[in-house]
Amino acid sequence: MSFRGRVVVFTVACGAAAASAFAQTKPAIDVCGIVTPDKAKAVMGSLASQPPVKTDHVGFGVDSCMYIGPKQSGAGAQTIFSRLTVQTGTGKDGPDMLQMDADKRKATLPLAGAGEAKRNAAGTFVWAKQGGVACTAEIANGLPNGVTADAAAAALGGLCRDIFGAKKK
């Protein structure tokens, strides 16, 4: 096969794989419908004003919901806010993608009460899996004032429990 022929075959094969990965536009699990603003406030303490959130299908079987939490530092354009992100993965690739997040964030400590679950030492990241559904919950840019690592991890694990409970219905 000529070089040009190999390029065409490669392009068609890669294009088909990419198209199938992004073919799903509607989230499999409405994460923001489960992790409501009230639940996010219970974890974060308060939320910065923001437009209504909606579940985002980020591809490869992963659906995500994000809330902006309280100000951590800075002023004006340099303000840093805490951020709560809950993701769930289903299907063939979603759980594997979230497992890679758990490895990257060093979620190695066991976490009770959320199925098969692990957390990082800082309490800012939780990975959990139940059946064919995986969940990650993360607080980025620092824990809310007065929240310990153990309390944060337990709250994040609770959000994953809510995901699993809603998926069973």
N, C-alpha and C. Protein backbone atom coordinates (compact mmCIF):
# COMPACT_ATOMS: atom_id res chain seq x y z
N MET A 1 0.86 -1.17 0.00
CA MET A 1 0.00 0.00 0.00
C MET A 1 0.90 1.23 0.00
N SER A 2 0.52 2.20 -0.79
CA SER A 2 1.31 3.42 -0.89
C SER A 2 1.19 4.24 0.40
N PHE A 3 2.09 5.20 0.56
CA PHE A 3 2.05 6.10 1.71
C PHE A 3 0.72 6.83 1.77
N ARG A 4 0.26 7.34 0.61
CA ARG A 4 -1.01 8.06 0.56
C ARG A 4 -2.15 7.16 1.00
N GLY A 5 -2.13 5.91 0.58
CA GLY A 5 -3.19 4.97 0.97
C GLY A 5 -3.20 4.72 2.47
N ARG A 6 -2.00 4.59 3.06
CA ARG A 6 -1.91 4.39 4.51
C ARG A 6 -2.42 5.60 5.27
N VAL A 7 -2.14 6.80 4.77
CA VAL A 7 -2.62 8.02 5.42
C VAL A 7 -4.15 8.07 5.37
N VAL A 8 -4.73 7.72 4.23
CA VAL A 8 -6.19 7.73 4.11
C VAL A 8 -6.81 6.71 5.06
N VAL A 9 -6.27 5.49 5.12
CA VAL A 9 -6.80 4.47 6.02
C VAL A 9 -6.67 4.93 7.46
N PHE A 10 -5.51 5.46 7.84
CA PHE A 10 -5.30 5.95 9.20
C PHE A 10 -6.29 7.06 9.55
N THR A 11 -6.46 8.01 8.64
CA THR A 11 -7.37 9.13 8.87
C THR A 11 -8.80 8.65 9.04
N VAL A 12 -9.24 7.74 8.20
CA VAL A 12 -10.61 7.22 8.30
C VAL A 12 -10.78 6.46 9.61
N ALA A 13 -9.82 5.61 9.98
CA ALA A 13 -9.92 4.84 11.22
C ALA A 13 -9.95 5.74 12.44
N CYS A 14 -9.07 6.73 12.49
CA CYS A 14 -9.03 7.65 13.64
C CYS A 14 -10.27 8.52 13.68
N GLY A 15 -10.73 8.95 12.54
CA GLY A 15 -11.94 9.78 12.49
C GLY A 15 -13.15 9.02 12.98
N ALA A 16 -13.24 7.72 12.63
CA ALA A 16 -14.37 6.91 13.09
C ALA A 16 -14.31 6.72 14.59
N ALA A 17 -13.10 6.49 15.14
CA ALA A 17 -12.97 6.33 16.59
C ALA A 17 -13.34 7.60 17.32
N ALA A 18 -12.88 8.73 16.83
CA ALA A 18 -13.20 10.01 17.47
C ALA A 18 -14.68 10.30 17.37
N ALA A 19 -15.28 10.01 16.22
CA ALA A 19 -16.71 10.27 16.05
C ALA A 19 -17.53 9.43 17.01
N SER A 20 -17.14 8.15 17.21
CA SER A 20 -17.91 7.32 18.14
C SER A 20 -17.71 7.78 19.58
N ALA A 21 -16.53 8.29 19.92
CA ALA A 21 -16.28 8.76 21.28
C ALA A 21 -17.12 9.98 21.61
N PHE A 22 -17.39 10.81 20.62
CA PHE A 22 -18.14 12.03 20.87
C PHE A 22 -19.57 11.96 20.35
N ALA A 23 -20.02 10.78 19.91
CA ALA A 23 -21.36 10.65 19.35
C ALA A 23 -22.43 10.92 20.40
N GLN A 24 -22.18 10.56 21.64
CA GLN A 24 -23.15 10.78 22.70
C GLN A 24 -23.09 12.24 23.12
N THR A 25 -24.16 12.97 22.90
CA THR A 25 -24.18 14.37 23.31
C THR A 25 -25.03 14.57 24.56
N LYS A 26 -25.95 13.69 24.83
CA LYS A 26 -26.77 13.79 26.02
C LYS A 26 -26.12 12.99 27.14
N PRO A 27 -25.95 13.58 28.32
CA PRO A 27 -25.32 12.85 29.42
C PRO A 27 -26.08 11.56 29.76
N ALA A 28 -25.33 10.51 30.07
CA ALA A 28 -25.94 9.26 30.51
C ALA A 28 -26.52 9.42 31.91
N ILE A 29 -25.87 10.21 32.73
CA ILE A 29 -26.33 10.49 34.10
C ILE A 29 -26.36 12.00 34.27
N ASP A 30 -27.50 12.54 34.69
CA ASP A 30 -27.62 13.98 34.92
C ASP A 30 -27.01 14.31 36.27
N VAL A 31 -25.70 14.49 36.29
CA VAL A 31 -24.96 14.71 37.54
C VAL A 31 -25.48 15.95 38.27
N CYS A 32 -25.71 17.05 37.55
CA CYS A 32 -26.19 18.28 38.21
C CYS A 32 -27.62 18.13 38.71
N GLY A 33 -28.37 17.21 38.14
CA GLY A 33 -29.72 16.93 38.64
C GLY A 33 -29.67 16.18 39.97
N ILE A 34 -28.58 15.47 40.20
CA ILE A 34 -28.40 14.70 41.44
C ILE A 34 -27.64 15.54 42.47
N VAL A 35 -26.54 16.16 42.05
CA VAL A 35 -25.75 17.01 42.94
C VAL A 35 -26.29 18.44 42.75
N THR A 36 -27.32 18.74 43.47
CA THR A 36 -28.02 20.02 43.36
C THR A 36 -27.23 21.15 44.01
N PRO A 37 -27.59 22.41 43.74
CA PRO A 37 -26.90 23.51 44.44
C PRO A 37 -26.95 23.38 45.97
N ASP A 38 -28.06 22.89 46.52
CA ASP A 38 -28.14 22.72 47.97
C ASP A 38 -27.12 21.70 48.47
N LYS A 39 -26.94 20.60 47.72
CA LYS A 39 -25.94 19.60 48.12
C LYS A 39 -24.53 20.18 47.98
N ALA A 40 -24.31 20.95 46.94
CA ALA A 40 -22.99 21.58 46.75
C ALA A 40 -22.71 22.56 47.89
N LYS A 41 -23.72 23.33 48.30
CA LYS A 41 -23.53 24.26 49.42
C LYS A 41 -23.21 23.51 50.71
N ALA A 42 -23.82 22.35 50.91
CA ALA A 42 -23.56 21.56 52.11
C ALA A 42 -22.10 21.14 52.17
N VAL A 43 -21.47 20.92 51.02
CA VAL A 43 -20.06 20.53 50.98
C VAL A 43 -19.16 21.76 51.05
N MET A 44 -19.50 22.80 50.29
CA MET A 44 -18.61 23.95 50.12
C MET A 44 -18.83 25.07 51.15
N GLY A 45 -19.97 25.09 51.79
CA GLY A 45 -20.28 26.17 52.74
C GLY A 45 -21.03 27.29 52.08
N SER A 46 -20.59 27.72 50.92
CA SER A 46 -21.31 28.74 50.15
C SER A 46 -20.88 28.59 48.70
N LEU A 47 -21.67 29.15 47.81
CA LEU A 47 -21.35 29.13 46.39
C LEU A 47 -21.26 30.55 45.88
N ALA A 48 -20.30 30.81 45.01
CA ALA A 48 -20.23 32.11 44.35
C ALA A 48 -21.45 32.22 43.43
N SER A 49 -21.91 33.45 43.17
CA SER A 49 -23.05 33.56 42.26
C SER A 49 -22.60 33.09 40.89
N GLN A 50 -23.45 32.32 40.26
CA GLN A 50 -23.13 31.72 38.98
C GLN A 50 -24.41 31.43 38.23
N PRO A 51 -24.33 31.27 36.94
CA PRO A 51 -25.54 30.90 36.21
C PRO A 51 -25.96 29.49 36.60
N PRO A 52 -27.19 29.10 36.29
CA PRO A 52 -27.61 27.73 36.62
C PRO A 52 -26.66 26.72 35.98
N VAL A 53 -26.32 25.70 36.74
CA VAL A 53 -25.39 24.69 36.23
C VAL A 53 -26.16 23.62 35.49
N LYS A 54 -25.47 22.98 34.56
CA LYS A 54 -26.05 21.84 33.85
C LYS A 54 -24.97 20.81 33.64
N THR A 55 -25.39 19.57 33.55
CA THR A 55 -24.45 18.48 33.34
C THR A 55 -23.81 18.61 31.96
N ASP A 56 -22.51 18.42 31.94
CA ASP A 56 -21.75 18.50 30.70
C ASP A 56 -21.25 17.11 30.34
N HIS A 57 -21.55 16.66 29.12
CA HIS A 57 -21.01 15.39 28.66
C HIS A 57 -19.63 15.69 28.10
N VAL A 58 -18.59 15.25 28.79
CA VAL A 58 -17.23 15.60 28.40
C VAL A 58 -16.59 14.59 27.46
N GLY A 59 -17.28 13.52 27.15
CA GLY A 59 -16.79 12.52 26.21
C GLY A 59 -16.30 11.26 26.90
N PHE A 60 -16.16 10.22 26.13
CA PHE A 60 -15.67 8.93 26.59
C PHE A 60 -16.47 8.37 27.75
N GLY A 61 -17.79 8.62 27.77
CA GLY A 61 -18.64 8.08 28.82
C GLY A 61 -18.59 8.82 30.13
N VAL A 62 -18.02 10.02 30.16
CA VAL A 62 -17.89 10.79 31.40
C VAL A 62 -18.81 12.01 31.36
N ASP A 63 -19.61 12.17 32.42
CA ASP A 63 -20.49 13.33 32.59
C ASP A 63 -20.03 14.09 33.82
N SER A 64 -20.13 15.43 33.78
CA SER A 64 -19.53 16.26 34.81
C SER A 64 -20.45 17.40 35.24
N CYS A 65 -20.33 17.78 36.50
CA CYS A 65 -21.05 18.93 37.04
C CYS A 65 -20.06 19.72 37.90
N MET A 66 -20.06 21.06 37.75
CA MET A 66 -19.11 21.89 38.48
C MET A 66 -19.81 23.07 39.14
N TYR A 67 -19.43 23.34 40.38
CA TYR A 67 -19.90 24.50 41.13
C TYR A 67 -18.69 25.32 41.57
N ILE A 68 -18.83 26.63 41.53
CA ILE A 68 -17.79 27.53 42.04
C ILE A 68 -18.12 27.83 43.49
N GLY A 69 -17.15 27.60 44.36
CA GLY A 69 -17.34 27.80 45.79
C GLY A 69 -16.86 29.15 46.26
N PRO A 70 -16.55 29.26 47.54
CA PRO A 70 -16.15 30.54 48.12
C PRO A 70 -14.77 31.00 47.65
N LYS A 71 -14.56 32.30 47.76
CA LYS A 71 -13.27 32.91 47.42
C LYS A 71 -12.21 32.37 48.38
N GLN A 72 -11.06 32.02 47.82
CA GLN A 72 -9.94 31.54 48.63
C GLN A 72 -8.88 32.62 48.83
N SER A 73 -8.62 33.39 47.76
CA SER A 73 -7.60 34.43 47.86
C SER A 73 -7.69 35.34 46.64
N GLY A 74 -6.89 36.41 46.66
CA GLY A 74 -6.79 37.31 45.52
C GLY A 74 -7.91 38.34 45.48
N ALA A 75 -7.84 39.17 44.43
CA ALA A 75 -8.85 40.22 44.23
C ALA A 75 -9.01 40.45 42.74
N GLY A 76 -10.17 40.94 42.36
CA GLY A 76 -10.43 41.26 40.96
C GLY A 76 -10.24 40.05 40.06
N ALA A 77 -9.54 40.28 38.95
CA ALA A 77 -9.30 39.20 37.99
C ALA A 77 -8.38 38.12 38.54
N GLN A 78 -7.71 38.40 39.64
CA GLN A 78 -6.78 37.43 40.24
C GLN A 78 -7.43 36.62 41.37
N THR A 79 -8.74 36.72 41.53
CA THR A 79 -9.43 36.00 42.59
C THR A 79 -9.40 34.50 42.31
N ILE A 80 -9.10 33.73 43.33
CA ILE A 80 -9.12 32.27 43.23
C ILE A 80 -10.27 31.75 44.07
N PHE A 81 -11.15 31.00 43.43
CA PHE A 81 -12.30 30.40 44.11
C PHE A 81 -12.07 28.90 44.26
N SER A 82 -12.65 28.33 45.31
CA SER A 82 -12.65 26.88 45.39
C SER A 82 -13.64 26.37 44.34
N ARG A 83 -13.50 25.10 43.98
CA ARG A 83 -14.35 24.56 42.92
C ARG A 83 -14.70 23.12 43.27
N LEU A 84 -15.98 22.78 43.15
CA LEU A 84 -16.45 21.41 43.37
C LEU A 84 -16.79 20.82 42.01
N THR A 85 -16.14 19.70 41.68
CA THR A 85 -16.42 19.01 40.43
C THR A 85 -16.78 17.56 40.76
N VAL A 86 -17.92 17.13 40.25
CA VAL A 86 -18.35 15.74 40.41
C VAL A 86 -18.49 15.16 39.02
N GLN A 87 -17.84 14.03 38.79
CA GLN A 87 -17.90 13.37 37.49
C GLN A 87 -18.36 11.92 37.69
N THR A 88 -19.05 11.42 36.70
CA THR A 88 -19.44 10.02 36.72
C THR A 88 -19.13 9.42 35.36
N GLY A 89 -18.70 8.18 35.40
CA GLY A 89 -18.34 7.49 34.16
C GLY A 89 -19.08 6.18 34.04
N THR A 90 -19.62 5.95 32.85
CA THR A 90 -20.33 4.71 32.57
C THR A 90 -19.83 4.17 31.23
N GLY A 91 -20.33 3.01 30.88
CA GLY A 91 -20.00 2.45 29.58
C GLY A 91 -18.63 1.79 29.58
N LYS A 92 -18.08 1.68 28.40
CA LYS A 92 -16.81 0.98 28.22
C LYS A 92 -15.62 1.79 28.74
N ASP A 93 -15.58 3.11 28.47
CA ASP A 93 -14.40 3.92 28.78
C ASP A 93 -14.51 4.78 30.03
N GLY A 94 -15.71 5.19 30.41
CA GLY A 94 -15.87 6.14 31.51
C GLY A 94 -15.20 5.74 32.81
N PRO A 95 -15.44 4.51 33.32
CA PRO A 95 -14.78 4.13 34.57
C PRO A 95 -13.26 4.13 34.47
N ASP A 96 -12.71 3.74 33.31
CA ASP A 96 -11.26 3.75 33.14
C ASP A 96 -10.70 5.17 33.17
N MET A 97 -11.42 6.10 32.54
CA MET A 97 -10.97 7.50 32.53
C MET A 97 -10.92 8.05 33.96
N LEU A 98 -11.94 7.74 34.75
CA LEU A 98 -11.97 8.25 36.12
C LEU A 98 -10.94 7.54 37.00
N GLN A 99 -10.64 6.28 36.70
CA GLN A 99 -9.58 5.58 37.44
C GLN A 99 -8.24 6.26 37.21
N MET A 100 -8.01 6.74 36.00
CA MET A 100 -6.76 7.47 35.73
C MET A 100 -6.68 8.74 36.56
N ASP A 101 -7.82 9.43 36.76
CA ASP A 101 -7.85 10.61 37.63
C ASP A 101 -7.47 10.22 39.06
N ALA A 102 -8.00 9.10 39.52
CA ALA A 102 -7.70 8.64 40.89
C ALA A 102 -6.21 8.35 41.05
N ASP A 103 -5.62 7.72 40.05
CA ASP A 103 -4.19 7.44 40.11
C ASP A 103 -3.38 8.74 40.12
N LYS A 104 -3.77 9.67 39.27
CA LYS A 104 -3.05 10.95 39.16
C LYS A 104 -3.13 11.77 40.45
N ARG A 105 -4.27 11.69 41.13
CA ARG A 105 -4.47 12.48 42.36
C ARG A 105 -4.13 11.70 43.63
N LYS A 106 -3.51 10.55 43.45
CA LYS A 106 -3.02 9.73 44.56
C LYS A 106 -4.11 9.34 45.55
N ALA A 107 -5.25 8.91 45.01
CA ALA A 107 -6.35 8.42 45.85
C ALA A 107 -6.02 6.97 46.24
N THR A 108 -5.35 6.81 47.36
CA THR A 108 -4.88 5.49 47.78
C THR A 108 -5.44 5.07 49.14
N LEU A 109 -6.03 5.99 49.89
CA LEU A 109 -6.56 5.67 51.21
C LEU A 109 -7.99 5.15 51.08
N PRO A 110 -8.34 4.08 51.81
CA PRO A 110 -9.70 3.56 51.72
C PRO A 110 -10.70 4.56 52.30
N LEU A 111 -11.91 4.56 51.73
CA LEU A 111 -12.99 5.41 52.21
C LEU A 111 -14.23 4.55 52.39
N ALA A 112 -14.73 4.48 53.61
CA ALA A 112 -15.89 3.64 53.90
C ALA A 112 -17.19 4.33 53.50
N GLY A 113 -18.17 3.51 53.15
CA GLY A 113 -19.53 4.02 52.95
C GLY A 113 -19.89 4.48 51.56
N ALA A 114 -19.01 4.30 50.58
CA ALA A 114 -19.34 4.75 49.22
C ALA A 114 -19.03 3.67 48.20
N GLY A 115 -19.33 2.41 48.53
CA GLY A 115 -18.98 1.32 47.62
C GLY A 115 -17.48 1.09 47.67
N GLU A 116 -16.91 0.67 46.57
CA GLU A 116 -15.46 0.55 46.46
C GLU A 116 -14.94 1.97 46.31
N ALA A 117 -14.25 2.49 47.32
CA ALA A 117 -13.90 3.92 47.30
C ALA A 117 -12.52 4.17 47.91
N LYS A 118 -11.87 5.20 47.36
CA LYS A 118 -10.58 5.66 47.86
C LYS A 118 -10.56 7.17 47.85
N ARG A 119 -9.69 7.73 48.67
CA ARG A 119 -9.54 9.18 48.77
C ARG A 119 -8.07 9.53 48.81
N ASN A 120 -7.78 10.82 48.59
CA ASN A 120 -6.39 11.26 48.75
C ASN A 120 -6.19 11.72 50.20
N ALA A 121 -4.94 11.90 50.60
CA ALA A 121 -4.63 12.27 51.99
C ALA A 121 -5.18 13.63 52.36
N ALA A 122 -5.22 14.56 51.41
CA ALA A 122 -5.71 15.91 51.69
C ALA A 122 -7.23 15.97 51.86
N GLY A 123 -7.94 14.90 51.46
CA GLY A 123 -9.40 14.89 51.57
C GLY A 123 -10.09 15.65 50.46
N THR A 124 -9.33 16.10 49.47
CA THR A 124 -9.91 16.93 48.40
C THR A 124 -10.37 16.12 47.19
N PHE A 125 -10.10 14.81 47.17
CA PHE A 125 -10.47 14.00 46.02
C PHE A 125 -10.94 12.62 46.48
N VAL A 126 -12.05 12.18 45.89
CA VAL A 126 -12.59 10.84 46.17
C VAL A 126 -12.90 10.16 44.85
N TRP A 127 -12.55 8.88 44.76
CA TRP A 127 -12.92 8.03 43.65
C TRP A 127 -13.74 6.89 44.22
N ALA A 128 -14.85 6.55 43.56
CA ALA A 128 -15.66 5.43 44.01
C ALA A 128 -16.23 4.70 42.80
N LYS A 129 -16.53 3.42 42.99
CA LYS A 129 -17.09 2.62 41.91
C LYS A 129 -18.11 1.66 42.49
N GLN A 130 -19.22 1.53 41.79
CA GLN A 130 -20.25 0.58 42.18
C GLN A 130 -20.84 0.01 40.90
N GLY A 131 -20.70 -1.29 40.72
CA GLY A 131 -21.16 -1.90 39.47
C GLY A 131 -20.40 -1.30 38.30
N GLY A 132 -21.12 -0.90 37.26
CA GLY A 132 -20.50 -0.32 36.08
C GLY A 132 -20.41 1.18 36.10
N VAL A 133 -20.61 1.79 37.28
CA VAL A 133 -20.59 3.25 37.39
C VAL A 133 -19.43 3.67 38.29
N ALA A 134 -18.62 4.60 37.81
CA ALA A 134 -17.54 5.18 38.62
C ALA A 134 -17.89 6.64 38.88
N CYS A 135 -17.35 7.17 39.97
CA CYS A 135 -17.62 8.56 40.36
C CYS A 135 -16.36 9.16 40.94
N THR A 136 -16.09 10.41 40.59
CA THR A 136 -15.06 11.18 41.28
C THR A 136 -15.69 12.47 41.77
N ALA A 137 -15.23 12.93 42.90
CA ALA A 137 -15.67 14.21 43.45
C ALA A 137 -14.42 14.91 43.99
N GLU A 138 -14.29 16.19 43.62
CA GLU A 138 -13.06 16.90 43.97
C GLU A 138 -13.36 18.34 44.36
N ILE A 139 -12.67 18.78 45.39
CA ILE A 139 -12.66 20.20 45.75
C ILE A 139 -11.28 20.72 45.36
N ALA A 140 -11.25 21.64 44.42
CA ALA A 140 -9.99 22.20 43.94
C ALA A 140 -9.74 23.57 44.58
N ASN A 141 -8.49 23.94 44.70
CA ASN A 141 -8.04 25.24 45.19
C ASN A 141 -8.22 25.44 46.68
N GLY A 142 -8.28 24.38 47.43
CA GLY A 142 -8.33 24.49 48.89
C GLY A 142 -9.67 24.16 49.50
N LEU A 143 -9.61 23.53 50.66
CA LEU A 143 -10.84 23.19 51.38
C LEU A 143 -11.49 24.45 51.95
N PRO A 144 -12.81 24.45 52.07
CA PRO A 144 -13.48 25.57 52.72
C PRO A 144 -12.97 25.74 54.15
N ASN A 145 -13.02 26.96 54.66
CA ASN A 145 -12.55 27.25 56.02
C ASN A 145 -13.23 26.36 57.04
N GLY A 146 -12.43 25.82 57.95
CA GLY A 146 -12.96 25.02 59.05
C GLY A 146 -13.31 23.58 58.68
N VAL A 147 -13.09 23.15 57.45
CA VAL A 147 -13.41 21.79 57.03
C VAL A 147 -12.14 20.95 57.07
N THR A 148 -12.19 19.84 57.78
CA THR A 148 -11.03 18.95 57.87
C THR A 148 -10.98 18.03 56.64
N ALA A 149 -9.82 17.43 56.44
CA ALA A 149 -9.65 16.49 55.32
C ALA A 149 -10.62 15.32 55.44
N ASP A 150 -10.80 14.80 56.65
CA ASP A 150 -11.71 13.67 56.85
C ASP A 150 -13.16 14.06 56.56
N ALA A 151 -13.57 15.23 57.04
CA ALA A 151 -14.94 15.69 56.80
C ALA A 151 -15.18 15.94 55.31
N ALA A 152 -14.20 16.53 54.64
CA ALA A 152 -14.34 16.80 53.21
C ALA A 152 -14.44 15.49 52.43
N ALA A 153 -13.58 14.53 52.74
CA ALA A 153 -13.62 13.24 52.04
C ALA A 153 -14.95 12.53 52.27
N ALA A 154 -15.46 12.58 53.49
CA ALA A 154 -16.75 11.96 53.78
C ALA A 154 -17.88 12.64 52.99
N ALA A 155 -17.85 13.96 52.91
CA ALA A 155 -18.87 14.69 52.15
C ALA A 155 -18.79 14.37 50.66
N LEU A 156 -17.57 14.30 50.12
CA LEU A 156 -17.40 13.97 48.71
C LEU A 156 -17.86 12.54 48.44
N GLY A 157 -17.54 11.63 49.35
CA GLY A 157 -18.02 10.25 49.22
C GLY A 157 -19.54 10.19 49.23
N GLY A 158 -20.17 11.05 50.03
CA GLY A 158 -21.63 11.11 50.07
C GLY A 158 -22.22 11.53 48.72
N LEU A 159 -21.54 12.44 48.02
CA LEU A 159 -22.02 12.84 46.69
C LEU A 159 -21.97 11.66 45.72
N CYS A 160 -20.91 10.86 45.80
CA CYS A 160 -20.82 9.67 44.95
C CYS A 160 -21.91 8.65 45.33
N ARG A 161 -22.18 8.52 46.63
CA ARG A 161 -23.29 7.64 47.06
C ARG A 161 -24.60 8.09 46.44
N ASP A 162 -24.81 9.42 46.40
CA ASP A 162 -26.04 9.95 45.79
C ASP A 162 -26.12 9.59 44.31
N ILE A 163 -24.98 9.65 43.61
CA ILE A 163 -24.92 9.27 42.19
C ILE A 163 -25.33 7.81 42.04
N PHE A 164 -24.74 6.93 42.85
CA PHE A 164 -25.04 5.51 42.75
C PHE A 164 -26.50 5.22 43.08
N GLY A 165 -27.03 5.90 44.10
CA GLY A 165 -28.43 5.70 44.48
C GLY A 165 -29.39 6.12 43.37
N ALA A 166 -29.08 7.23 42.71
CA ALA A 166 -29.94 7.73 41.64
C ALA A 166 -29.85 6.82 40.41
N LYS A 167 -28.68 6.24 40.17
CA LYS A 167 -28.50 5.36 39.00
C LYS A 167 -29.31 4.09 39.14
N LYS A 168 -29.51 3.62 40.39
CA LYS A 168 -30.28 2.40 40.62
C LYS A 168 -31.76 2.56 40.32
N LYS A 169 -32.26 3.83 40.40
CA LYS A 169 -33.70 4.07 40.21
C LYS A 169 -34.12 3.92 38.79
